[in-house]
Amino acid sequence: MPPAHLRVPTAEGMARLPRAARRARLSLSVQYATQDEDLPARPLLRRWLAAALERDAVVTLRFVDADEGRALNHRYRGKGVATNVLAFVYDGSCGGDIVLCAPVLRREARQQNKTLAAHCAHLVVHGMLHLQGYDHHRSVDATRMEAREVDILGNLGFTNPYATPSRAQRR
C-alpha cells in the first residue's frame, strides 16, 4: 500500500471530507467537430469549467459547425437556427454535454466587441452552471445565475459579459 500522501482518495473518502477540505472533481472530454483552429485548447476549457464546478461532474464539451448546431437546436428546442450554447444534463448525476456552435460564437464575439476567448469562457461557464441546476427562466433565477457567472469570470480575469459596452468600445 502506498504511503498516505501518495494514496488517491476513494469517492467514499472524498464524500466524507468537509466540503471546504476537498475540491470537486471534473472528468472532461472535449470534441472538436469543426475545423476551426482558433478555438480554445482543452487545458483552457478545463480551467474555465473547473472555475464553475461546484460538485463532481462528468462533462463532454463539443464544438460544432452551424449545420450541427442548427440540427441540435431544432431537435431539442424546436428552433430552426443554430444557437451559441446548448446544455444537456445527464439523468441521475452531475454533468452532461455542453455544445458550443463555433460560427455563432465567432459572430457574437465580433458583434459584442469581445475576444473569442472571452465569449467562449462566458458560455463555457454558463453551460457548466446549467449542468449544475442553474437556469434563467424566471427573473430571480436569471439574476442569481448571472451574478454567479460574473463572479466566476471575474476570478478568471474576464470582464462582466452583461455590462453595457462603453461608447468608446462601440465605435
N, C-alpha and C. Protein backbone atom coordinates (compact mmCIF):
# COMPACT_ATOMS: atom_id res chain seq x y z
N MET A 1 0.85 -1.17 0.00
CA MET A 1 0.00 0.00 0.00
C MET A 1 0.90 1.24 0.00
N PRO A 2 0.58 2.25 -0.88
CA PRO A 2 1.42 3.44 -0.93
C PRO A 2 1.28 4.27 0.34
N PRO A 3 2.29 5.10 0.62
CA PRO A 3 2.18 5.97 1.80
C PRO A 3 0.95 6.87 1.69
N ALA A 4 0.46 7.33 2.81
CA ALA A 4 -0.78 8.11 2.86
C ALA A 4 -0.75 9.31 1.92
N HIS A 5 0.39 9.99 1.81
CA HIS A 5 0.44 11.19 0.97
C HIS A 5 0.40 10.86 -0.52
N LEU A 6 0.58 9.58 -0.89
CA LEU A 6 0.51 9.19 -2.30
C LEU A 6 -0.78 8.47 -2.65
N ARG A 7 -1.60 8.17 -1.67
CA ARG A 7 -2.85 7.46 -1.95
C ARG A 7 -3.88 8.38 -2.58
N VAL A 8 -4.57 7.88 -3.57
CA VAL A 8 -5.66 8.62 -4.19
C VAL A 8 -6.91 8.33 -3.37
N PRO A 9 -7.59 9.38 -2.86
CA PRO A 9 -8.78 9.13 -2.06
C PRO A 9 -9.88 8.47 -2.88
N THR A 10 -10.63 7.61 -2.25
CA THR A 10 -11.77 6.97 -2.92
C THR A 10 -12.93 7.96 -2.96
N ALA A 11 -13.94 7.66 -3.77
CA ALA A 11 -15.13 8.51 -3.84
C ALA A 11 -15.80 8.57 -2.47
N GLU A 12 -15.83 7.44 -1.76
CA GLU A 12 -16.44 7.41 -0.43
C GLU A 12 -15.65 8.30 0.53
N GLY A 13 -14.34 8.20 0.48
CA GLY A 13 -13.50 9.01 1.34
C GLY A 13 -13.64 10.49 1.03
N MET A 14 -13.73 10.82 -0.25
CA MET A 14 -13.92 12.22 -0.66
C MET A 14 -15.26 12.74 -0.16
N ALA A 15 -16.30 11.91 -0.23
CA ALA A 15 -17.63 12.34 0.19
C ALA A 15 -17.66 12.63 1.69
N ARG A 16 -16.81 11.97 2.48
CA ARG A 16 -16.81 12.19 3.93
C ARG A 16 -16.04 13.44 4.33
N LEU A 17 -15.19 13.95 3.45
CA LEU A 17 -14.43 15.16 3.77
C LEU A 17 -15.36 16.37 3.83
N PRO A 18 -15.07 17.30 4.72
CA PRO A 18 -15.86 18.54 4.71
C PRO A 18 -15.73 19.21 3.35
N ARG A 19 -16.79 19.87 2.89
CA ARG A 19 -16.80 20.49 1.56
C ARG A 19 -15.60 21.40 1.35
N ALA A 20 -15.22 22.16 2.37
CA ALA A 20 -14.09 23.08 2.23
C ALA A 20 -12.76 22.35 2.11
N ALA A 21 -12.71 21.08 2.53
CA ALA A 21 -11.44 20.34 2.53
C ALA A 21 -11.17 19.64 1.21
N ARG A 22 -12.13 19.61 0.32
CA ARG A 22 -11.90 18.94 -0.96
C ARG A 22 -12.42 19.79 -2.10
N ARG A 23 -11.83 19.60 -3.24
CA ARG A 23 -12.29 20.28 -4.45
C ARG A 23 -13.12 19.30 -5.26
N ALA A 24 -14.13 19.82 -5.92
CA ALA A 24 -14.93 18.98 -6.80
C ALA A 24 -14.04 18.47 -7.92
N ARG A 25 -14.32 17.27 -8.38
CA ARG A 25 -13.53 16.66 -9.45
C ARG A 25 -14.28 16.74 -10.77
N LEU A 26 -13.53 16.96 -11.83
CA LEU A 26 -14.08 17.10 -13.17
C LEU A 26 -13.47 16.05 -14.08
N SER A 27 -14.33 15.28 -14.73
CA SER A 27 -13.91 14.38 -15.80
C SER A 27 -14.37 15.04 -17.09
N LEU A 28 -13.43 15.36 -17.98
CA LEU A 28 -13.75 16.16 -19.17
C LEU A 28 -13.32 15.47 -20.45
N SER A 29 -14.23 15.50 -21.41
CA SER A 29 -13.94 15.08 -22.77
C SER A 29 -14.24 16.27 -23.67
N VAL A 30 -13.31 16.63 -24.55
CA VAL A 30 -13.51 17.74 -25.48
C VAL A 30 -13.52 17.19 -26.90
N GLN A 31 -14.51 17.62 -27.67
CA GLN A 31 -14.65 17.18 -29.06
C GLN A 31 -14.67 18.41 -29.96
N TYR A 32 -13.82 18.40 -30.97
CA TYR A 32 -13.80 19.48 -31.95
C TYR A 32 -14.38 18.91 -33.25
N ALA A 33 -15.68 19.13 -33.47
CA ALA A 33 -16.34 18.61 -34.66
C ALA A 33 -16.38 19.67 -35.76
N THR A 34 -15.47 20.60 -35.68
CA THR A 34 -15.32 21.66 -36.67
C THR A 34 -13.83 21.91 -36.82
N GLN A 35 -13.42 22.37 -37.98
CA GLN A 35 -12.00 22.51 -38.28
C GLN A 35 -11.40 23.86 -37.86
N ASP A 36 -12.09 24.61 -37.05
CA ASP A 36 -11.60 25.92 -36.62
C ASP A 36 -10.38 25.76 -35.72
N GLU A 37 -9.27 26.40 -36.12
CA GLU A 37 -8.03 26.25 -35.36
C GLU A 37 -7.87 27.28 -34.26
N ASP A 38 -8.76 28.27 -34.21
CA ASP A 38 -8.62 29.32 -33.20
C ASP A 38 -9.47 29.07 -31.96
N LEU A 39 -10.05 27.90 -31.85
CA LEU A 39 -10.87 27.58 -30.68
C LEU A 39 -9.97 27.28 -29.48
N PRO A 40 -10.46 27.56 -28.28
CA PRO A 40 -9.65 27.32 -27.08
C PRO A 40 -9.23 25.85 -26.96
N ALA A 41 -8.02 25.65 -26.45
CA ALA A 41 -7.48 24.30 -26.25
C ALA A 41 -8.04 23.69 -24.97
N ARG A 42 -7.95 22.39 -24.89
CA ARG A 42 -8.50 21.63 -23.77
C ARG A 42 -8.06 22.14 -22.39
N PRO A 43 -6.77 22.44 -22.17
CA PRO A 43 -6.38 22.92 -20.82
C PRO A 43 -7.10 24.21 -20.41
N LEU A 44 -7.32 25.10 -21.35
CA LEU A 44 -8.02 26.34 -21.05
C LEU A 44 -9.50 26.06 -20.77
N LEU A 45 -10.11 25.21 -21.56
CA LEU A 45 -11.51 24.83 -21.34
C LEU A 45 -11.68 24.18 -19.97
N ARG A 46 -10.74 23.30 -19.61
CA ARG A 46 -10.78 22.65 -18.30
C ARG A 46 -10.70 23.68 -17.18
N ARG A 47 -9.84 24.67 -17.34
CA ARG A 47 -9.69 25.72 -16.32
C ARG A 47 -11.00 26.48 -16.14
N TRP A 48 -11.65 26.84 -17.25
CA TRP A 48 -12.91 27.58 -17.18
C TRP A 48 -14.01 26.74 -16.54
N LEU A 49 -14.11 25.48 -16.93
CA LEU A 49 -15.13 24.59 -16.35
C LEU A 49 -14.88 24.38 -14.87
N ALA A 50 -13.63 24.15 -14.51
CA ALA A 50 -13.29 23.91 -13.11
C ALA A 50 -13.62 25.12 -12.24
N ALA A 51 -13.48 26.32 -12.80
CA ALA A 51 -13.80 27.53 -12.04
C ALA A 51 -15.28 27.59 -11.68
N ALA A 52 -16.12 26.97 -12.50
CA ALA A 52 -17.57 26.98 -12.26
C ALA A 52 -18.06 25.72 -11.57
N LEU A 53 -17.16 24.79 -11.31
CA LEU A 53 -17.53 23.48 -10.77
C LEU A 53 -17.88 23.57 -9.28
N GLU A 54 -19.05 23.09 -8.93
CA GLU A 54 -19.49 23.10 -7.54
C GLU A 54 -19.55 21.70 -6.94
N ARG A 55 -19.59 20.68 -7.78
CA ARG A 55 -19.58 19.30 -7.31
C ARG A 55 -19.01 18.41 -8.42
N ASP A 56 -18.64 17.20 -8.07
CA ASP A 56 -18.06 16.29 -9.05
C ASP A 56 -18.95 16.21 -10.29
N ALA A 57 -18.31 16.19 -11.46
CA ALA A 57 -19.08 16.15 -12.70
C ALA A 57 -18.31 15.46 -13.81
N VAL A 58 -19.07 14.85 -14.70
CA VAL A 58 -18.55 14.26 -15.93
C VAL A 58 -19.13 15.11 -17.05
N VAL A 59 -18.25 15.72 -17.85
CA VAL A 59 -18.70 16.67 -18.87
C VAL A 59 -18.06 16.36 -20.21
N THR A 60 -18.88 16.42 -21.25
CA THR A 60 -18.38 16.42 -22.62
C THR A 60 -18.67 17.79 -23.19
N LEU A 61 -17.63 18.44 -23.69
CA LEU A 61 -17.78 19.74 -24.32
C LEU A 61 -17.47 19.56 -25.80
N ARG A 62 -18.41 19.95 -26.66
CA ARG A 62 -18.28 19.71 -28.09
C ARG A 62 -18.45 21.01 -28.86
N PHE A 63 -17.49 21.33 -29.71
CA PHE A 63 -17.60 22.45 -30.63
C PHE A 63 -18.16 21.92 -31.95
N VAL A 64 -19.19 22.58 -32.47
CA VAL A 64 -19.84 22.12 -33.69
C VAL A 64 -19.89 23.24 -34.72
N ASP A 65 -20.21 22.86 -35.97
CA ASP A 65 -20.41 23.84 -37.03
C ASP A 65 -21.88 24.28 -37.03
N ALA A 66 -22.22 25.17 -37.93
CA ALA A 66 -23.58 25.72 -37.97
C ALA A 66 -24.63 24.66 -38.28
N ASP A 67 -24.32 23.72 -39.17
CA ASP A 67 -25.29 22.68 -39.53
C ASP A 67 -25.65 21.81 -38.33
N GLU A 68 -24.65 21.35 -37.60
CA GLU A 68 -24.91 20.51 -36.43
C GLU A 68 -25.59 21.33 -35.33
N GLY A 69 -25.16 22.57 -35.15
CA GLY A 69 -25.78 23.44 -34.15
C GLY A 69 -27.26 23.66 -34.45
N ARG A 70 -27.59 23.90 -35.71
CA ARG A 70 -28.97 24.10 -36.13
C ARG A 70 -29.78 22.82 -35.93
N ALA A 71 -29.23 21.68 -36.31
CA ALA A 71 -29.95 20.40 -36.17
C ALA A 71 -30.25 20.09 -34.70
N LEU A 72 -29.26 20.31 -33.82
CA LEU A 72 -29.48 20.04 -32.39
C LEU A 72 -30.50 21.00 -31.79
N ASN A 73 -30.40 22.27 -32.15
CA ASN A 73 -31.34 23.25 -31.61
C ASN A 73 -32.77 22.96 -32.10
N HIS A 74 -32.89 22.51 -33.35
CA HIS A 74 -34.21 22.16 -33.88
C HIS A 74 -34.77 20.92 -33.18
N ARG A 75 -33.93 19.92 -33.04
CA ARG A 75 -34.40 18.66 -32.45
C ARG A 75 -34.80 18.82 -30.98
N TYR A 76 -34.00 19.55 -30.21
CA TYR A 76 -34.23 19.60 -28.77
C TYR A 76 -34.96 20.85 -28.28
N ARG A 77 -34.99 21.91 -29.10
CA ARG A 77 -35.67 23.13 -28.65
C ARG A 77 -36.70 23.63 -29.66
N GLY A 78 -36.82 22.93 -30.79
CA GLY A 78 -37.81 23.31 -31.79
C GLY A 78 -37.50 24.60 -32.52
N LYS A 79 -36.24 25.01 -32.50
CA LYS A 79 -35.84 26.26 -33.17
C LYS A 79 -34.94 25.93 -34.35
N GLY A 80 -35.23 26.53 -35.50
CA GLY A 80 -34.54 26.20 -36.73
C GLY A 80 -33.27 26.97 -37.01
N VAL A 81 -32.65 27.52 -35.98
CA VAL A 81 -31.39 28.25 -36.15
C VAL A 81 -30.36 27.70 -35.17
N ALA A 82 -29.10 27.87 -35.52
CA ALA A 82 -28.03 27.48 -34.59
C ALA A 82 -27.99 28.48 -33.45
N THR A 83 -27.69 28.01 -32.25
CA THR A 83 -27.56 28.88 -31.09
C THR A 83 -26.15 28.77 -30.54
N ASN A 84 -25.77 29.68 -29.66
CA ASN A 84 -24.40 29.71 -29.18
C ASN A 84 -24.05 28.52 -28.29
N VAL A 85 -24.92 28.18 -27.34
CA VAL A 85 -24.62 27.10 -26.40
C VAL A 85 -25.88 26.30 -26.10
N LEU A 86 -25.72 25.00 -26.02
CA LEU A 86 -26.76 24.09 -25.57
C LEU A 86 -26.17 23.25 -24.44
N ALA A 87 -26.96 23.00 -23.41
CA ALA A 87 -26.51 22.16 -22.31
C ALA A 87 -27.50 21.03 -22.13
N PHE A 88 -26.98 19.82 -22.08
CA PHE A 88 -27.80 18.63 -21.90
C PHE A 88 -27.38 17.94 -20.61
N VAL A 89 -28.28 17.92 -19.64
CA VAL A 89 -27.99 17.37 -18.32
C VAL A 89 -28.19 15.86 -18.34
N TYR A 90 -27.24 15.12 -17.75
CA TYR A 90 -27.39 13.68 -17.60
C TYR A 90 -28.37 13.41 -16.47
N ASP A 91 -29.17 12.38 -16.60
CA ASP A 91 -30.08 11.99 -15.53
C ASP A 91 -29.32 11.32 -14.40
N GLY A 92 -29.65 11.69 -13.18
CA GLY A 92 -29.14 10.99 -12.02
C GLY A 92 -27.73 11.33 -11.58
N SER A 93 -27.06 12.26 -12.24
CA SER A 93 -25.71 12.62 -11.81
C SER A 93 -25.42 14.04 -12.24
N CYS A 94 -24.37 14.58 -11.72
CA CYS A 94 -23.97 15.92 -12.13
C CYS A 94 -23.09 15.79 -13.36
N GLY A 95 -23.45 16.53 -14.34
CA GLY A 95 -22.67 16.52 -15.56
C GLY A 95 -23.58 16.48 -16.76
N GLY A 96 -22.97 16.38 -17.90
CA GLY A 96 -23.73 16.33 -19.14
C GLY A 96 -22.89 16.82 -20.29
N ASP A 97 -23.58 17.25 -21.33
CA ASP A 97 -22.93 17.72 -22.55
C ASP A 97 -23.15 19.22 -22.70
N ILE A 98 -22.10 19.90 -23.10
CA ILE A 98 -22.18 21.31 -23.46
C ILE A 98 -21.77 21.39 -24.92
N VAL A 99 -22.65 21.95 -25.75
CA VAL A 99 -22.38 22.08 -27.18
C VAL A 99 -22.26 23.56 -27.50
N LEU A 100 -21.13 23.92 -28.09
CA LEU A 100 -20.87 25.30 -28.49
C LEU A 100 -20.78 25.37 -30.01
N CYS A 101 -21.53 26.27 -30.61
CA CYS A 101 -21.52 26.41 -32.07
C CYS A 101 -20.49 27.48 -32.45
N ALA A 102 -19.38 27.05 -33.02
CA ALA A 102 -18.25 27.93 -33.30
C ALA A 102 -18.60 29.13 -34.17
N PRO A 103 -19.34 28.97 -35.28
CA PRO A 103 -19.65 30.16 -36.09
C PRO A 103 -20.51 31.19 -35.34
N VAL A 104 -21.43 30.72 -34.51
CA VAL A 104 -22.26 31.63 -33.73
C VAL A 104 -21.41 32.36 -32.69
N LEU A 105 -20.53 31.62 -32.02
CA LEU A 105 -19.64 32.24 -31.03
C LEU A 105 -18.81 33.34 -31.67
N ARG A 106 -18.26 33.04 -32.82
CA ARG A 106 -17.40 33.99 -33.52
C ARG A 106 -18.18 35.24 -33.91
N ARG A 107 -19.37 35.05 -34.47
CA ARG A 107 -20.21 36.19 -34.88
C ARG A 107 -20.60 37.05 -33.68
N GLU A 108 -21.04 36.41 -32.59
CA GLU A 108 -21.44 37.15 -31.40
C GLU A 108 -20.26 37.90 -30.78
N ALA A 109 -19.11 37.28 -30.75
CA ALA A 109 -17.92 37.94 -30.18
C ALA A 109 -17.61 39.22 -30.96
N ARG A 110 -17.67 39.14 -32.29
CA ARG A 110 -17.45 40.33 -33.13
C ARG A 110 -18.49 41.40 -32.84
N GLN A 111 -19.77 41.01 -32.80
CA GLN A 111 -20.87 41.95 -32.56
C GLN A 111 -20.75 42.63 -31.19
N GLN A 112 -20.23 41.90 -30.21
CA GLN A 112 -20.13 42.41 -28.85
C GLN A 112 -18.76 43.01 -28.54
N ASN A 113 -17.91 43.10 -29.56
CA ASN A 113 -16.56 43.64 -29.40
C ASN A 113 -15.78 42.92 -28.31
N LYS A 114 -15.85 41.59 -28.32
CA LYS A 114 -15.14 40.76 -27.36
C LYS A 114 -14.17 39.86 -28.11
N THR A 115 -13.20 39.36 -27.39
CA THR A 115 -12.35 38.33 -28.00
C THR A 115 -13.13 37.03 -28.03
N LEU A 116 -12.75 36.16 -28.93
CA LEU A 116 -13.40 34.85 -28.99
C LEU A 116 -13.18 34.11 -27.67
N ALA A 117 -12.01 34.22 -27.09
CA ALA A 117 -11.72 33.55 -25.81
C ALA A 117 -12.65 34.05 -24.71
N ALA A 118 -12.86 35.35 -24.61
CA ALA A 118 -13.74 35.90 -23.57
C ALA A 118 -15.17 35.40 -23.75
N HIS A 119 -15.65 35.37 -24.99
CA HIS A 119 -17.02 34.91 -25.24
C HIS A 119 -17.13 33.41 -24.96
N CYS A 120 -16.13 32.64 -25.39
CA CYS A 120 -16.14 31.20 -25.11
C CYS A 120 -16.12 30.94 -23.61
N ALA A 121 -15.27 31.65 -22.89
CA ALA A 121 -15.19 31.46 -21.44
C ALA A 121 -16.55 31.69 -20.81
N HIS A 122 -17.23 32.77 -21.22
CA HIS A 122 -18.55 33.06 -20.68
C HIS A 122 -19.52 31.91 -20.94
N LEU A 123 -19.56 31.43 -22.17
CA LEU A 123 -20.55 30.40 -22.50
C LEU A 123 -20.19 29.03 -21.95
N VAL A 124 -18.91 28.76 -21.76
CA VAL A 124 -18.49 27.52 -21.09
C VAL A 124 -18.95 27.56 -19.63
N VAL A 125 -18.72 28.67 -18.97
CA VAL A 125 -19.17 28.84 -17.58
C VAL A 125 -20.69 28.76 -17.52
N HIS A 126 -21.37 29.44 -18.44
CA HIS A 126 -22.83 29.43 -18.50
C HIS A 126 -23.35 28.00 -18.63
N GLY A 127 -22.77 27.25 -19.57
CA GLY A 127 -23.18 25.86 -19.77
C GLY A 127 -22.93 25.00 -18.55
N MET A 128 -21.77 25.19 -17.91
CA MET A 128 -21.44 24.41 -16.71
C MET A 128 -22.43 24.69 -15.58
N LEU A 129 -22.83 25.93 -15.44
CA LEU A 129 -23.82 26.26 -14.42
C LEU A 129 -25.16 25.59 -14.72
N HIS A 130 -25.55 25.56 -16.00
CA HIS A 130 -26.78 24.83 -16.37
C HIS A 130 -26.69 23.36 -15.95
N LEU A 131 -25.54 22.74 -16.17
CA LEU A 131 -25.38 21.32 -15.82
C LEU A 131 -25.51 21.10 -14.32
N GLN A 132 -25.34 22.16 -13.54
CA GLN A 132 -25.40 22.05 -12.08
C GLN A 132 -26.72 22.59 -11.53
N GLY A 133 -27.70 22.79 -12.41
CA GLY A 133 -29.03 23.14 -11.95
C GLY A 133 -29.41 24.61 -12.03
N TYR A 134 -28.51 25.46 -12.45
CA TYR A 134 -28.86 26.88 -12.60
C TYR A 134 -29.70 27.04 -13.86
N ASP A 135 -30.63 28.01 -13.83
CA ASP A 135 -31.36 28.35 -15.05
C ASP A 135 -31.71 29.83 -15.02
N HIS A 136 -32.32 30.29 -16.10
CA HIS A 136 -32.64 31.71 -16.21
C HIS A 136 -34.05 31.91 -16.75
N HIS A 137 -34.95 30.98 -16.43
CA HIS A 137 -36.33 31.10 -16.91
C HIS A 137 -37.12 32.16 -16.14
N ARG A 138 -36.89 32.23 -14.85
CA ARG A 138 -37.54 33.27 -14.02
C ARG A 138 -36.51 34.35 -13.73
N SER A 139 -36.96 35.58 -13.57
CA SER A 139 -36.02 36.69 -13.39
C SER A 139 -35.16 36.53 -12.14
N VAL A 140 -35.71 35.99 -11.06
CA VAL A 140 -34.92 35.79 -9.84
C VAL A 140 -33.80 34.77 -10.09
N ASP A 141 -34.10 33.72 -10.88
CA ASP A 141 -33.10 32.72 -11.21
C ASP A 141 -32.05 33.28 -12.16
N ALA A 142 -32.48 34.10 -13.11
CA ALA A 142 -31.55 34.72 -14.06
C ALA A 142 -30.58 35.64 -13.32
N THR A 143 -31.10 36.40 -12.37
CA THR A 143 -30.25 37.30 -11.60
C THR A 143 -29.20 36.50 -10.83
N ARG A 144 -29.61 35.40 -10.21
CA ARG A 144 -28.70 34.55 -9.44
C ARG A 144 -27.63 33.93 -10.35
N MET A 145 -28.06 33.42 -11.50
CA MET A 145 -27.13 32.77 -12.43
C MET A 145 -26.14 33.78 -13.00
N GLU A 146 -26.64 34.93 -13.41
CA GLU A 146 -25.77 35.96 -13.99
C GLU A 146 -24.75 36.45 -12.97
N ALA A 147 -25.18 36.62 -11.72
CA ALA A 147 -24.24 37.06 -10.68
C ALA A 147 -23.14 36.03 -10.48
N ARG A 148 -23.51 34.77 -10.52
CA ARG A 148 -22.52 33.69 -10.38
C ARG A 148 -21.54 33.71 -11.55
N GLU A 149 -22.06 33.87 -12.77
CA GLU A 149 -21.21 33.95 -13.96
C GLU A 149 -20.23 35.12 -13.86
N VAL A 150 -20.72 36.28 -13.48
CA VAL A 150 -19.88 37.48 -13.37
C VAL A 150 -18.77 37.24 -12.36
N ASP A 151 -19.10 36.62 -11.23
CA ASP A 151 -18.11 36.33 -10.19
C ASP A 151 -17.04 35.37 -10.70
N ILE A 152 -17.46 34.28 -11.32
CA ILE A 152 -16.52 33.28 -11.84
C ILE A 152 -15.63 33.89 -12.91
N LEU A 153 -16.24 34.60 -13.86
CA LEU A 153 -15.46 35.19 -14.94
C LEU A 153 -14.50 36.25 -14.42
N GLY A 154 -14.92 37.01 -13.42
CA GLY A 154 -14.02 37.99 -12.81
C GLY A 154 -12.80 37.33 -12.20
N ASN A 155 -13.03 36.18 -11.53
CA ASN A 155 -11.91 35.43 -10.94
C ASN A 155 -10.98 34.88 -12.01
N LEU A 156 -11.49 34.69 -13.21
CA LEU A 156 -10.68 34.21 -14.34
C LEU A 156 -10.03 35.36 -15.12
N GLY A 157 -10.32 36.60 -14.72
CA GLY A 157 -9.71 37.75 -15.37
C GLY A 157 -10.52 38.35 -16.51
N PHE A 158 -11.79 37.95 -16.64
CA PHE A 158 -12.65 38.48 -17.69
C PHE A 158 -13.60 39.53 -17.13
N THR A 159 -14.00 40.46 -17.98
CA THR A 159 -14.94 41.49 -17.56
C THR A 159 -16.36 40.94 -17.55
N ASN A 160 -17.24 41.69 -16.93
CA ASN A 160 -18.66 41.33 -16.84
C ASN A 160 -19.26 41.22 -18.25
N PRO A 161 -19.72 40.03 -18.65
CA PRO A 161 -20.26 39.87 -20.00
C PRO A 161 -21.62 40.55 -20.20
N TYR A 162 -22.25 40.93 -19.09
CA TYR A 162 -23.56 41.57 -19.17
C TYR A 162 -23.48 43.09 -19.11
N ALA A 163 -22.30 43.62 -18.89
CA ALA A 163 -22.14 45.08 -18.80
C ALA A 163 -22.37 45.70 -20.18
N THR A 164 -23.01 46.84 -20.18
CA THR A 164 -23.24 47.56 -21.43
C THR A 164 -21.90 48.14 -21.88
N PRO A 165 -21.52 47.89 -23.12
CA PRO A 165 -20.24 48.43 -23.60
C PRO A 165 -20.25 49.95 -23.56
N SER A 166 -19.09 50.51 -23.25
CA SER A 166 -18.99 51.97 -23.25
C SER A 166 -19.05 52.48 -24.67
N ARG A 167 -19.28 53.77 -24.80
CA ARG A 167 -19.34 54.39 -26.12
C ARG A 167 -18.06 54.14 -26.92
N ALA A 168 -16.93 54.21 -26.24
CA ALA A 168 -15.64 54.01 -26.91
C ALA A 168 -15.53 52.60 -27.48
N GLN A 169 -16.07 51.62 -26.75
CA GLN A 169 -16.00 50.23 -27.23
C GLN A 169 -16.90 50.00 -28.42
N ARG A 170 -17.99 50.77 -28.55
CA ARG A 170 -18.94 50.56 -29.64
C ARG A 170 -18.45 51.15 -30.96
N ARG A 171 -17.49 52.04 -30.91
CA ARG A 171 -17.02 52.70 -32.15
C ARG A 171 -16.23 51.80 -33.02
